[in-house]
C-alpha cells in the first residue's frame, strides 16, 4: 500500500503542502519540548541533560518498530522506501563537523531554525554560520568532490551492513536503548551532584 505519494494514494501536488504541515508540527513539538534552548541541547555533551538523546532515540525506535509492523501487515512495502546513499568519508567528516558545531553552538540545524523562529539571537548567528558554510562548500565543491562522493557503499541500511534479521536488530536496538537510558540517568545524577 504505502508509501502514499509514490503509489498515487495521495496526489503528488499535495507533497509540498504535506511537507509544510509536517514541518510546522515538527517545529511546534521541538519548541514545546524545549529543544530551542542551546543549554538543553548542549547538556547531552556535558552530562547534565539527556532529554535530546532520549527523545531522538525513542523516535528512531518507535519509527523502526512501526515500519516493521506496517510492512508485516502489508500496509508498507519496505523495499519501496527511499534509503539515502552512503558515502563513507562524507558521512564521517560531515558528522564530525556537525558534532563540533553542535557542541560549540548548542544547536543542530533543525533546532537552530526552531530557535530562530522564536527570535533567539545566538540561533540567528548559528544559522548565518550554516549559510556561510554552505556557500563555501558550494564554491569549493570541485575541491571537496572526491571526498564527498568517495567510498560509495550504495543505498544500504544498518541491517544490511550487519547482515542480520531486521526483527532481531529491533530487539537488540530496544535492549540497547533501555541500557543507554539507565546509564545516562546514572551519569546525569552524578553530574547534577557536582554542579548543584
N, C-alpha and C. Protein backbone atom coordinates (compact mmCIF):
# COMPACT_ATOMS: atom_id res chain seq x y z
N UNK A 1 0.82 -1.19 0.00
CA UNK A 1 0.00 0.00 0.00
C UNK A 1 0.86 1.26 0.00
N UNK A 2 1.57 1.50 1.09
CA UNK A 2 2.39 2.72 1.17
C UNK A 2 3.70 2.50 0.46
N UNK A 3 4.52 3.49 0.29
CA UNK A 3 4.34 4.90 0.62
C UNK A 3 3.21 5.55 -0.17
N UNK A 4 2.61 6.60 0.41
CA UNK A 4 1.39 7.16 -0.14
C UNK A 4 1.61 7.95 -1.42
N UNK A 5 2.66 8.77 -1.49
CA UNK A 5 2.87 9.60 -2.68
C UNK A 5 3.32 8.78 -3.90
N UNK A 6 4.36 7.91 -3.78
CA UNK A 6 4.78 7.16 -4.97
C UNK A 6 3.72 6.23 -5.54
N UNK A 7 2.81 5.77 -4.69
CA UNK A 7 1.75 4.87 -5.16
C UNK A 7 0.47 5.60 -5.55
N UNK A 8 0.55 6.93 -5.65
CA UNK A 8 -0.58 7.77 -6.08
C UNK A 8 -1.82 7.64 -5.20
N UNK A 9 -1.62 7.30 -3.93
CA UNK A 9 -2.75 7.29 -2.99
C UNK A 9 -3.07 8.73 -2.61
N UNK A 10 -2.02 9.55 -2.46
CA UNK A 10 -2.15 11.00 -2.29
C UNK A 10 -1.54 11.64 -3.53
N UNK A 11 -2.24 12.57 -4.18
CA UNK A 11 -1.68 13.20 -5.39
C UNK A 11 -0.35 13.90 -5.11
N UNK A 12 0.57 13.84 -6.07
CA UNK A 12 1.91 14.43 -5.92
C UNK A 12 1.83 15.93 -5.64
N UNK A 13 0.80 16.60 -6.15
CA UNK A 13 0.65 18.04 -5.97
C UNK A 13 0.53 18.42 -4.50
N UNK A 14 0.12 17.48 -3.66
CA UNK A 14 -0.04 17.74 -2.23
C UNK A 14 1.26 17.60 -1.45
N UNK A 15 2.34 17.15 -2.09
CA UNK A 15 3.58 16.85 -1.36
C UNK A 15 4.13 18.07 -0.63
N UNK A 16 4.13 19.25 -1.28
CA UNK A 16 4.66 20.46 -0.63
C UNK A 16 3.79 20.89 0.53
N UNK A 17 2.48 20.79 0.37
CA UNK A 17 1.57 21.18 1.45
C UNK A 17 1.75 20.24 2.65
N UNK A 18 1.85 18.94 2.37
CA UNK A 18 2.06 17.96 3.45
C UNK A 18 3.40 18.24 4.15
N UNK A 19 4.44 18.56 3.38
CA UNK A 19 5.75 18.86 3.96
C UNK A 19 5.69 20.08 4.87
N UNK A 20 4.96 21.11 4.45
CA UNK A 20 4.83 22.33 5.27
C UNK A 20 4.09 22.02 6.57
N UNK A 21 2.99 21.26 6.47
CA UNK A 21 2.22 20.91 7.67
C UNK A 21 3.07 20.09 8.64
N UNK A 22 3.78 19.08 8.11
CA UNK A 22 4.65 18.25 8.96
C UNK A 22 5.74 19.13 9.59
N UNK A 23 6.32 20.06 8.81
CA UNK A 23 7.35 20.95 9.33
C UNK A 23 6.85 21.83 10.45
N UNK A 24 5.64 22.36 10.30
CA UNK A 24 5.05 23.21 11.36
C UNK A 24 4.85 22.40 12.63
N UNK A 25 4.29 21.20 12.49
CA UNK A 25 4.08 20.35 13.67
C UNK A 25 5.40 19.95 14.31
N UNK A 26 6.40 19.63 13.48
CA UNK A 26 7.71 19.24 13.99
C UNK A 26 8.34 20.40 14.77
N UNK A 27 8.28 21.60 14.21
CA UNK A 27 8.82 22.78 14.89
C UNK A 27 8.09 23.06 16.19
N UNK A 28 6.77 22.92 16.18
CA UNK A 28 5.98 23.14 17.39
C UNK A 28 6.37 22.15 18.49
N UNK A 29 6.54 20.88 18.09
CA UNK A 29 6.93 19.86 19.07
C UNK A 29 8.33 20.12 19.60
N UNK A 30 9.26 20.52 18.72
CA UNK A 30 10.62 20.85 19.17
C UNK A 30 10.60 21.98 20.19
N UNK A 31 9.85 23.04 19.88
CA UNK A 31 9.78 24.19 20.78
C UNK A 31 9.11 23.80 22.10
N UNK A 32 8.02 23.03 22.02
CA UNK A 32 7.31 22.59 23.23
C UNK A 32 8.18 21.71 24.12
N UNK A 33 9.10 20.98 23.50
CA UNK A 33 10.00 20.08 24.25
C UNK A 33 11.19 20.83 24.83
N UNK A 34 11.33 22.11 24.50
CA UNK A 34 12.46 22.88 25.00
C UNK A 34 13.72 22.75 24.15
N UNK A 35 13.56 22.23 22.93
CA UNK A 35 14.73 21.99 22.09
C UNK A 35 15.22 23.24 21.36
N UNK A 36 14.59 24.38 21.65
CA UNK A 36 15.12 25.63 21.11
C UNK A 36 16.13 26.25 22.09
N UNK A 37 16.37 25.57 23.20
CA UNK A 37 17.34 26.04 24.20
C UNK A 37 18.70 25.39 23.94
N UNK A 38 19.70 26.23 23.69
CA UNK A 38 21.04 25.69 23.42
C UNK A 38 21.61 25.01 24.66
N UNK A 39 21.22 25.46 25.85
CA UNK A 39 21.71 24.82 27.09
C UNK A 39 21.17 23.41 27.22
N UNK A 40 19.90 23.24 26.87
CA UNK A 40 19.30 21.89 26.94
C UNK A 40 19.97 20.95 25.95
N UNK A 41 20.22 21.46 24.73
CA UNK A 41 20.83 20.62 23.70
C UNK A 41 22.28 20.29 24.02
N UNK A 42 23.04 21.28 24.49
CA UNK A 42 24.45 21.04 24.82
C UNK A 42 24.59 20.19 26.07
N UNK A 43 23.51 20.09 26.86
CA UNK A 43 23.54 19.27 28.09
C UNK A 43 23.89 17.82 27.84
N UNK A 44 23.61 17.33 26.63
CA UNK A 44 23.96 15.95 26.27
C UNK A 44 25.48 15.76 26.35
N UNK A 45 26.22 16.74 25.85
CA UNK A 45 27.68 16.63 25.78
C UNK A 45 28.34 16.87 27.14
N UNK A 46 27.65 17.64 28.00
CA UNK A 46 28.23 17.94 29.32
C UNK A 46 27.69 17.04 30.42
N UNK A 47 26.67 16.22 30.09
CA UNK A 47 26.19 15.22 31.02
C UNK A 47 25.13 15.64 32.01
N UNK A 48 24.54 16.84 31.84
CA UNK A 48 23.53 17.26 32.82
C UNK A 48 22.10 17.19 32.30
N UNK A 49 21.91 16.90 31.00
CA UNK A 49 20.55 16.80 30.45
C UNK A 49 20.58 15.90 29.22
N UNK A 50 19.89 14.77 29.30
CA UNK A 50 19.89 13.80 28.20
C UNK A 50 18.53 13.70 27.51
N UNK A 51 17.71 14.75 27.64
CA UNK A 51 16.38 14.72 27.03
C UNK A 51 16.46 14.55 25.52
N UNK A 52 17.41 15.23 24.88
CA UNK A 52 17.55 15.16 23.42
C UNK A 52 17.88 13.73 22.99
N UNK A 53 18.85 13.12 23.67
CA UNK A 53 19.23 11.74 23.35
C UNK A 53 18.03 10.81 23.50
N UNK A 54 17.29 10.95 24.59
CA UNK A 54 16.15 10.07 24.85
C UNK A 54 15.05 10.27 23.82
N UNK A 55 14.76 11.51 23.49
CA UNK A 55 13.68 11.79 22.54
C UNK A 55 14.01 11.24 21.16
N UNK A 56 15.22 11.52 20.66
CA UNK A 56 15.56 11.08 19.31
C UNK A 56 15.79 9.56 19.25
N UNK A 57 16.33 8.98 20.31
CA UNK A 57 16.50 7.53 20.37
C UNK A 57 15.12 6.87 20.35
N UNK A 58 14.19 7.40 21.16
CA UNK A 58 12.83 6.86 21.21
C UNK A 58 12.12 7.03 19.86
N UNK A 59 12.29 8.19 19.23
CA UNK A 59 11.66 8.43 17.93
C UNK A 59 12.16 7.43 16.89
N UNK A 60 13.47 7.18 16.88
CA UNK A 60 14.03 6.22 15.92
C UNK A 60 13.48 4.82 16.18
N UNK A 61 13.41 4.44 17.45
CA UNK A 61 12.94 3.10 17.80
C UNK A 61 11.46 2.92 17.47
N UNK A 62 10.64 3.91 17.82
CA UNK A 62 9.19 3.82 17.53
C UNK A 62 8.95 3.78 16.02
N UNK A 63 9.69 4.61 15.28
CA UNK A 63 9.54 4.63 13.82
C UNK A 63 9.93 3.29 13.21
N UNK A 64 11.03 2.73 13.69
CA UNK A 64 11.50 1.44 13.18
C UNK A 64 10.50 0.32 13.47
N UNK A 65 10.03 0.27 14.70
CA UNK A 65 9.04 -0.75 15.06
C UNK A 65 7.75 -0.56 14.25
N UNK A 66 7.32 0.70 14.12
CA UNK A 66 6.10 0.99 13.35
C UNK A 66 6.23 0.57 11.90
N UNK A 67 7.38 0.88 11.28
CA UNK A 67 7.59 0.50 9.88
C UNK A 67 7.60 -1.02 9.70
N UNK A 68 8.24 -1.73 10.62
CA UNK A 68 8.29 -3.19 10.51
C UNK A 68 6.90 -3.80 10.69
N UNK A 69 6.11 -3.26 11.62
CA UNK A 69 4.74 -3.74 11.80
C UNK A 69 3.90 -3.47 10.55
N UNK A 70 4.03 -2.25 10.01
CA UNK A 70 3.27 -1.90 8.80
C UNK A 70 3.68 -2.77 7.62
N UNK A 71 4.98 -3.10 7.54
CA UNK A 71 5.46 -3.99 6.48
C UNK A 71 4.89 -5.39 6.68
N UNK A 72 4.91 -5.87 7.92
CA UNK A 72 4.41 -7.20 8.25
C UNK A 72 2.92 -7.32 7.94
N UNK A 73 2.17 -6.24 8.20
CA UNK A 73 0.71 -6.26 7.95
C UNK A 73 0.36 -5.97 6.50
N UNK A 74 1.36 -5.60 5.69
CA UNK A 74 1.13 -5.37 4.27
C UNK A 74 0.73 -3.95 3.91
N UNK A 75 0.83 -3.02 4.85
CA UNK A 75 0.47 -1.63 4.57
C UNK A 75 1.62 -0.83 3.97
N UNK A 76 2.85 -1.25 4.22
CA UNK A 76 4.04 -0.58 3.70
C UNK A 76 4.96 -1.63 3.10
N UNK A 77 5.49 -1.34 1.94
CA UNK A 77 6.48 -2.22 1.32
C UNK A 77 7.85 -1.61 1.62
N UNK A 78 8.59 -2.23 2.55
CA UNK A 78 9.88 -1.69 2.98
C UNK A 78 10.85 -1.54 1.81
N UNK A 79 10.73 -2.41 0.82
CA UNK A 79 11.65 -2.37 -0.31
C UNK A 79 11.43 -1.14 -1.19
N UNK A 80 10.25 -0.49 -1.08
CA UNK A 80 9.99 0.69 -1.90
C UNK A 80 10.31 2.00 -1.18
N UNK A 81 10.78 1.92 0.06
CA UNK A 81 11.16 3.13 0.80
C UNK A 81 12.52 3.64 0.33
N UNK A 82 12.67 4.95 0.30
CA UNK A 82 13.94 5.55 -0.13
C UNK A 82 14.97 5.42 0.98
N UNK A 83 16.14 4.94 0.62
CA UNK A 83 17.27 4.86 1.55
C UNK A 83 18.37 5.77 1.01
N UNK A 84 18.76 6.73 1.82
CA UNK A 84 19.78 7.69 1.38
C UNK A 84 21.10 6.96 1.10
N UNK A 85 21.77 7.28 -0.01
CA UNK A 85 23.03 6.59 -0.33
C UNK A 85 24.12 6.89 0.69
N UNK A 86 24.98 5.92 0.91
CA UNK A 86 26.06 6.06 1.88
C UNK A 86 27.38 6.34 1.17
N UNK A 87 27.95 7.50 1.50
CA UNK A 87 29.31 7.86 1.10
C UNK A 87 30.10 7.94 2.40
N UNK A 88 30.94 6.96 2.66
CA UNK A 88 31.53 6.77 3.98
C UNK A 88 32.29 7.99 4.49
N UNK A 89 33.26 8.49 3.70
CA UNK A 89 34.07 9.60 4.21
C UNK A 89 33.26 10.87 4.36
N UNK A 90 32.33 11.11 3.46
CA UNK A 90 31.46 12.29 3.59
C UNK A 90 30.65 12.21 4.88
N UNK A 91 30.16 11.02 5.21
CA UNK A 91 29.38 10.84 6.43
C UNK A 91 30.24 11.04 7.67
N UNK A 92 31.45 10.50 7.67
CA UNK A 92 32.33 10.62 8.84
C UNK A 92 32.76 12.07 9.04
N UNK A 93 33.25 12.71 7.99
CA UNK A 93 33.75 14.09 8.10
C UNK A 93 32.59 15.05 8.38
N UNK A 94 31.48 14.87 7.66
CA UNK A 94 30.30 15.71 7.89
C UNK A 94 29.76 15.55 9.30
N UNK A 95 29.74 14.32 9.80
CA UNK A 95 29.28 14.07 11.17
C UNK A 95 30.18 14.72 12.20
N UNK A 96 31.49 14.67 11.96
CA UNK A 96 32.45 15.30 12.88
C UNK A 96 32.27 16.82 12.89
N UNK A 97 32.12 17.41 11.70
CA UNK A 97 31.92 18.87 11.61
C UNK A 97 30.61 19.27 12.31
N UNK A 98 29.55 18.50 12.06
CA UNK A 98 28.27 18.83 12.71
C UNK A 98 28.37 18.65 14.23
N UNK A 99 29.06 17.61 14.67
CA UNK A 99 29.23 17.39 16.11
C UNK A 99 29.97 18.53 16.79
N UNK A 100 31.04 18.99 16.15
CA UNK A 100 31.80 20.13 16.70
C UNK A 100 30.91 21.38 16.74
N UNK A 101 30.17 21.60 15.64
CA UNK A 101 29.26 22.75 15.60
C UNK A 101 28.16 22.64 16.63
N UNK A 102 27.68 21.43 16.87
CA UNK A 102 26.64 21.19 17.87
C UNK A 102 27.14 21.58 19.26
N UNK A 103 28.34 21.13 19.61
CA UNK A 103 28.89 21.43 20.94
C UNK A 103 29.23 22.92 21.06
N UNK A 104 29.83 23.48 20.01
CA UNK A 104 30.25 24.88 20.05
C UNK A 104 29.06 25.84 20.08
N UNK A 105 28.04 25.57 19.27
CA UNK A 105 26.90 26.48 19.16
C UNK A 105 25.70 26.11 19.99
N UNK A 106 25.61 24.84 20.36
CA UNK A 106 24.47 24.38 21.16
C UNK A 106 23.22 24.07 20.34
N UNK A 107 23.37 24.01 19.04
CA UNK A 107 22.22 23.71 18.17
C UNK A 107 22.62 22.71 17.10
N UNK A 108 21.61 21.97 16.59
CA UNK A 108 21.77 21.25 15.33
C UNK A 108 21.00 22.07 14.30
N UNK A 109 21.13 21.79 13.01
CA UNK A 109 20.43 22.63 12.03
C UNK A 109 18.93 22.77 12.26
N UNK A 110 18.24 21.69 12.61
CA UNK A 110 16.80 21.76 12.82
C UNK A 110 16.41 22.58 14.03
N UNK A 111 17.08 22.35 15.15
CA UNK A 111 16.74 23.09 16.37
C UNK A 111 17.15 24.55 16.27
N UNK A 112 18.18 24.84 15.46
CA UNK A 112 18.58 26.25 15.29
C UNK A 112 17.47 27.03 14.58
N UNK A 113 16.84 26.42 13.58
CA UNK A 113 15.74 27.09 12.88
C UNK A 113 14.53 27.26 13.79
N UNK A 114 14.32 26.30 14.66
CA UNK A 114 13.25 26.40 15.65
C UNK A 114 13.51 27.59 16.58
N UNK A 115 14.76 27.74 17.01
CA UNK A 115 15.13 28.85 17.89
C UNK A 115 15.09 30.19 17.16
N UNK A 116 15.42 30.20 15.88
CA UNK A 116 15.32 31.43 15.07
C UNK A 116 13.86 31.89 15.01
N UNK A 117 12.95 30.93 14.90
CA UNK A 117 11.52 31.25 14.79
C UNK A 117 11.00 31.97 16.02
N UNK A 118 11.64 31.77 17.18
CA UNK A 118 11.20 32.48 18.39
C UNK A 118 12.14 33.65 18.71
N UNK A 119 13.07 33.95 17.79
CA UNK A 119 13.87 35.17 17.91
C UNK A 119 15.14 35.08 18.72
N UNK A 120 15.71 33.90 18.90
CA UNK A 120 16.95 33.79 19.68
C UNK A 120 18.14 34.25 18.84
N UNK A 121 18.88 35.21 19.39
CA UNK A 121 19.99 35.82 18.65
C UNK A 121 21.12 34.82 18.40
N UNK A 122 21.45 33.99 19.40
CA UNK A 122 22.52 33.01 19.19
C UNK A 122 22.18 32.04 18.07
N UNK A 123 20.89 31.70 17.94
CA UNK A 123 20.46 30.81 16.85
C UNK A 123 20.56 31.51 15.50
N UNK A 124 20.24 32.79 15.47
CA UNK A 124 20.35 33.55 14.22
C UNK A 124 21.81 33.56 13.74
N UNK A 125 22.74 33.80 14.68
CA UNK A 125 24.16 33.77 14.34
C UNK A 125 24.57 32.38 13.86
N UNK A 126 24.06 31.35 14.51
CA UNK A 126 24.35 29.97 14.16
C UNK A 126 23.88 29.66 12.73
N UNK A 127 22.65 30.08 12.40
CA UNK A 127 22.10 29.83 11.06
C UNK A 127 22.88 30.60 10.00
N UNK A 128 23.30 31.82 10.32
CA UNK A 128 24.15 32.58 9.40
C UNK A 128 25.45 31.81 9.15
N UNK A 129 26.02 31.24 10.22
CA UNK A 129 27.22 30.41 10.08
C UNK A 129 26.99 29.20 9.18
N UNK A 130 25.82 28.57 9.32
CA UNK A 130 25.48 27.43 8.44
C UNK A 130 25.44 27.88 6.99
N UNK A 131 24.80 29.03 6.75
CA UNK A 131 24.68 29.54 5.38
C UNK A 131 26.06 29.88 4.79
N UNK A 132 26.93 30.45 5.61
CA UNK A 132 28.29 30.74 5.15
C UNK A 132 29.02 29.44 4.81
N UNK A 133 28.86 28.43 5.68
CA UNK A 133 29.47 27.13 5.42
C UNK A 133 28.96 26.49 4.15
N UNK A 134 27.65 26.56 3.92
CA UNK A 134 27.05 26.00 2.70
C UNK A 134 27.59 26.74 1.47
N UNK A 135 27.71 28.07 1.57
CA UNK A 135 28.23 28.86 0.46
C UNK A 135 29.67 28.48 0.14
N UNK A 136 30.51 28.36 1.18
CA UNK A 136 31.92 27.98 0.98
C UNK A 136 32.01 26.60 0.35
N UNK A 137 31.21 25.66 0.86
CA UNK A 137 31.21 24.31 0.31
C UNK A 137 30.81 24.30 -1.16
N UNK A 138 29.76 25.06 -1.49
CA UNK A 138 29.29 25.07 -2.89
C UNK A 138 30.31 25.72 -3.82
N UNK A 139 31.01 26.73 -3.34
CA UNK A 139 32.02 27.40 -4.17
C UNK A 139 33.27 26.53 -4.36
N UNK A 140 33.57 25.71 -3.36
CA UNK A 140 34.77 24.85 -3.42
C UNK A 140 34.40 23.39 -3.67
N UNK A 141 33.21 23.16 -4.24
CA UNK A 141 32.73 21.78 -4.43
C UNK A 141 33.71 20.94 -5.24
N UNK A 142 34.32 21.53 -6.25
CA UNK A 142 35.25 20.75 -7.09
C UNK A 142 36.44 20.24 -6.28
N UNK A 143 36.82 20.98 -5.24
CA UNK A 143 37.92 20.55 -4.36
C UNK A 143 37.45 19.42 -3.44
N UNK A 144 36.21 19.56 -2.91
CA UNK A 144 35.68 18.58 -1.95
C UNK A 144 35.03 17.36 -2.61
N UNK A 145 34.78 17.42 -3.91
CA UNK A 145 34.03 16.36 -4.58
C UNK A 145 34.61 14.96 -4.39
N UNK A 146 35.95 14.76 -4.49
CA UNK A 146 36.46 13.40 -4.30
C UNK A 146 36.15 12.82 -2.91
N UNK A 147 36.15 13.68 -1.90
CA UNK A 147 35.80 13.23 -0.55
C UNK A 147 34.29 13.02 -0.46
N UNK A 148 33.54 13.97 -1.02
CA UNK A 148 32.08 13.96 -0.94
C UNK A 148 31.47 12.74 -1.62
N UNK A 149 32.05 12.32 -2.73
CA UNK A 149 31.49 11.19 -3.48
C UNK A 149 32.32 9.91 -3.34
N UNK A 150 33.37 9.95 -2.53
CA UNK A 150 34.25 8.79 -2.39
C UNK A 150 33.69 7.73 -1.45
N UNK A 151 34.18 6.53 -1.60
CA UNK A 151 33.78 5.38 -0.78
C UNK A 151 32.25 5.20 -0.78
N UNK A 152 31.69 5.09 -1.97
CA UNK A 152 30.25 4.90 -2.14
C UNK A 152 29.87 3.47 -1.80
N UNK A 153 28.93 3.30 -0.87
CA UNK A 153 28.51 1.96 -0.44
C UNK A 153 27.10 1.62 -0.91
N UNK A 154 26.48 2.52 -1.68
CA UNK A 154 25.13 2.26 -2.17
C UNK A 154 24.07 2.66 -1.17
N UNK A 155 22.86 2.22 -1.45
CA UNK A 155 21.71 2.55 -0.58
C UNK A 155 21.54 1.46 0.47
N UNK A 156 22.48 1.40 1.40
CA UNK A 156 22.45 0.34 2.41
C UNK A 156 21.89 0.86 3.72
N UNK A 157 21.39 -0.06 4.52
CA UNK A 157 20.92 0.26 5.86
C UNK A 157 21.86 -0.42 6.86
N UNK A 158 21.68 -0.09 8.13
CA UNK A 158 22.49 -0.73 9.17
C UNK A 158 22.23 -2.24 9.21
N UNK A 159 20.97 -2.61 8.99
CA UNK A 159 20.61 -4.04 8.96
C UNK A 159 21.35 -4.74 7.82
N UNK A 160 21.42 -4.10 6.65
CA UNK A 160 22.13 -4.67 5.50
C UNK A 160 23.61 -4.85 5.82
N UNK A 161 24.21 -3.82 6.39
CA UNK A 161 25.66 -3.88 6.64
C UNK A 161 26.01 -4.88 7.72
N UNK A 162 25.12 -5.08 8.70
CA UNK A 162 25.38 -6.07 9.74
C UNK A 162 24.99 -7.48 9.30
N UNK A 163 24.10 -7.56 8.31
CA UNK A 163 23.68 -8.86 7.79
C UNK A 163 22.84 -9.67 8.75
N UNK A 164 21.97 -8.99 9.52
CA UNK A 164 21.11 -9.73 10.46
C UNK A 164 19.65 -9.50 10.13
N UNK A 165 18.80 -10.33 10.70
CA UNK A 165 17.35 -10.22 10.52
C UNK A 165 16.86 -8.90 11.12
N UNK A 166 16.01 -8.14 10.41
CA UNK A 166 15.54 -6.86 10.92
C UNK A 166 14.84 -6.96 12.28
N UNK A 167 14.13 -8.06 12.51
CA UNK A 167 13.41 -8.21 13.77
C UNK A 167 14.37 -8.42 14.94
N UNK A 168 15.45 -9.16 14.69
CA UNK A 168 16.48 -9.31 15.71
C UNK A 168 17.17 -7.96 15.97
N UNK A 169 17.37 -7.19 14.91
CA UNK A 169 18.00 -5.88 15.06
C UNK A 169 17.15 -4.98 15.95
N UNK A 170 15.82 -4.97 15.73
CA UNK A 170 14.92 -4.15 16.54
C UNK A 170 14.97 -4.59 17.99
N UNK A 171 14.99 -5.91 18.21
CA UNK A 171 15.05 -6.44 19.58
C UNK A 171 16.34 -5.98 20.27
N UNK A 172 17.47 -6.12 19.59
CA UNK A 172 18.76 -5.71 20.17
C UNK A 172 18.83 -4.19 20.35
N UNK A 173 18.26 -3.45 19.40
CA UNK A 173 18.23 -1.99 19.48
C UNK A 173 17.41 -1.53 20.68
N UNK A 174 16.29 -2.22 20.95
CA UNK A 174 15.44 -1.90 22.10
C UNK A 174 16.18 -2.15 23.41
N UNK A 175 16.87 -3.29 23.49
CA UNK A 175 17.65 -3.59 24.70
C UNK A 175 18.75 -2.54 24.89
N UNK A 176 19.43 -2.18 23.80
CA UNK A 176 20.48 -1.16 23.87
C UNK A 176 19.90 0.17 24.35
N UNK A 177 18.71 0.53 23.87
CA UNK A 177 18.07 1.79 24.28
C UNK A 177 17.79 1.81 25.77
N UNK A 178 17.25 0.71 26.29
CA UNK A 178 16.94 0.63 27.72
C UNK A 178 18.23 0.76 28.54
N UNK A 179 19.28 0.05 28.14
CA UNK A 179 20.56 0.11 28.85
C UNK A 179 21.14 1.53 28.80
N UNK A 180 21.09 2.15 27.62
CA UNK A 180 21.61 3.52 27.46
C UNK A 180 20.81 4.50 28.32
N UNK A 181 19.49 4.36 28.37
CA UNK A 181 18.66 5.26 29.17
C UNK A 181 19.02 5.13 30.66
N UNK A 182 19.26 3.92 31.12
CA UNK A 182 19.64 3.71 32.52
C UNK A 182 21.02 4.33 32.79
N UNK A 183 21.97 4.10 31.88
CA UNK A 183 23.32 4.65 32.06
C UNK A 183 23.32 6.17 32.06
N UNK A 184 22.59 6.80 31.13
CA UNK A 184 22.61 8.26 31.08
C UNK A 184 21.91 8.86 32.30
N UNK A 185 20.93 8.17 32.86
CA UNK A 185 20.32 8.66 34.10
C UNK A 185 21.31 8.62 35.25
N UNK A 186 22.14 7.57 35.30
CA UNK A 186 23.18 7.48 36.33
C UNK A 186 24.20 8.61 36.16
N UNK A 187 24.59 8.86 34.91
CA UNK A 187 25.55 9.94 34.64
C UNK A 187 24.96 11.29 35.03
N UNK A 188 23.70 11.52 34.64
CA UNK A 188 23.04 12.80 34.95
C UNK A 188 22.97 13.04 36.44
N UNK A 189 22.65 12.02 37.23
CA UNK A 189 22.57 12.18 38.69
C UNK A 189 23.94 12.52 39.29
N UNK A 190 24.99 11.90 38.77
CA UNK A 190 26.33 12.19 39.28
C UNK A 190 26.77 13.61 38.92
N UNK A 191 26.51 14.01 37.68
CA UNK A 191 26.90 15.34 37.23
C UNK A 191 26.10 16.40 37.96
N UNK A 192 24.81 16.13 38.21
CA UNK A 192 23.96 17.08 38.92
C UNK A 192 24.50 17.34 40.33
N UNK A 193 25.00 16.30 40.99
CA UNK A 193 25.54 16.45 42.34
C UNK A 193 26.77 17.37 42.33
N UNK A 194 27.55 17.31 41.25
CA UNK A 194 28.76 18.13 41.15
C UNK A 194 28.39 19.59 40.91
N UNK A 195 27.40 19.84 40.04
CA UNK A 195 27.08 21.21 39.65
C UNK A 195 26.05 21.89 40.56
N UNK A 196 25.25 21.10 41.29
CA UNK A 196 24.20 21.74 42.07
C UNK A 196 24.36 21.51 43.56
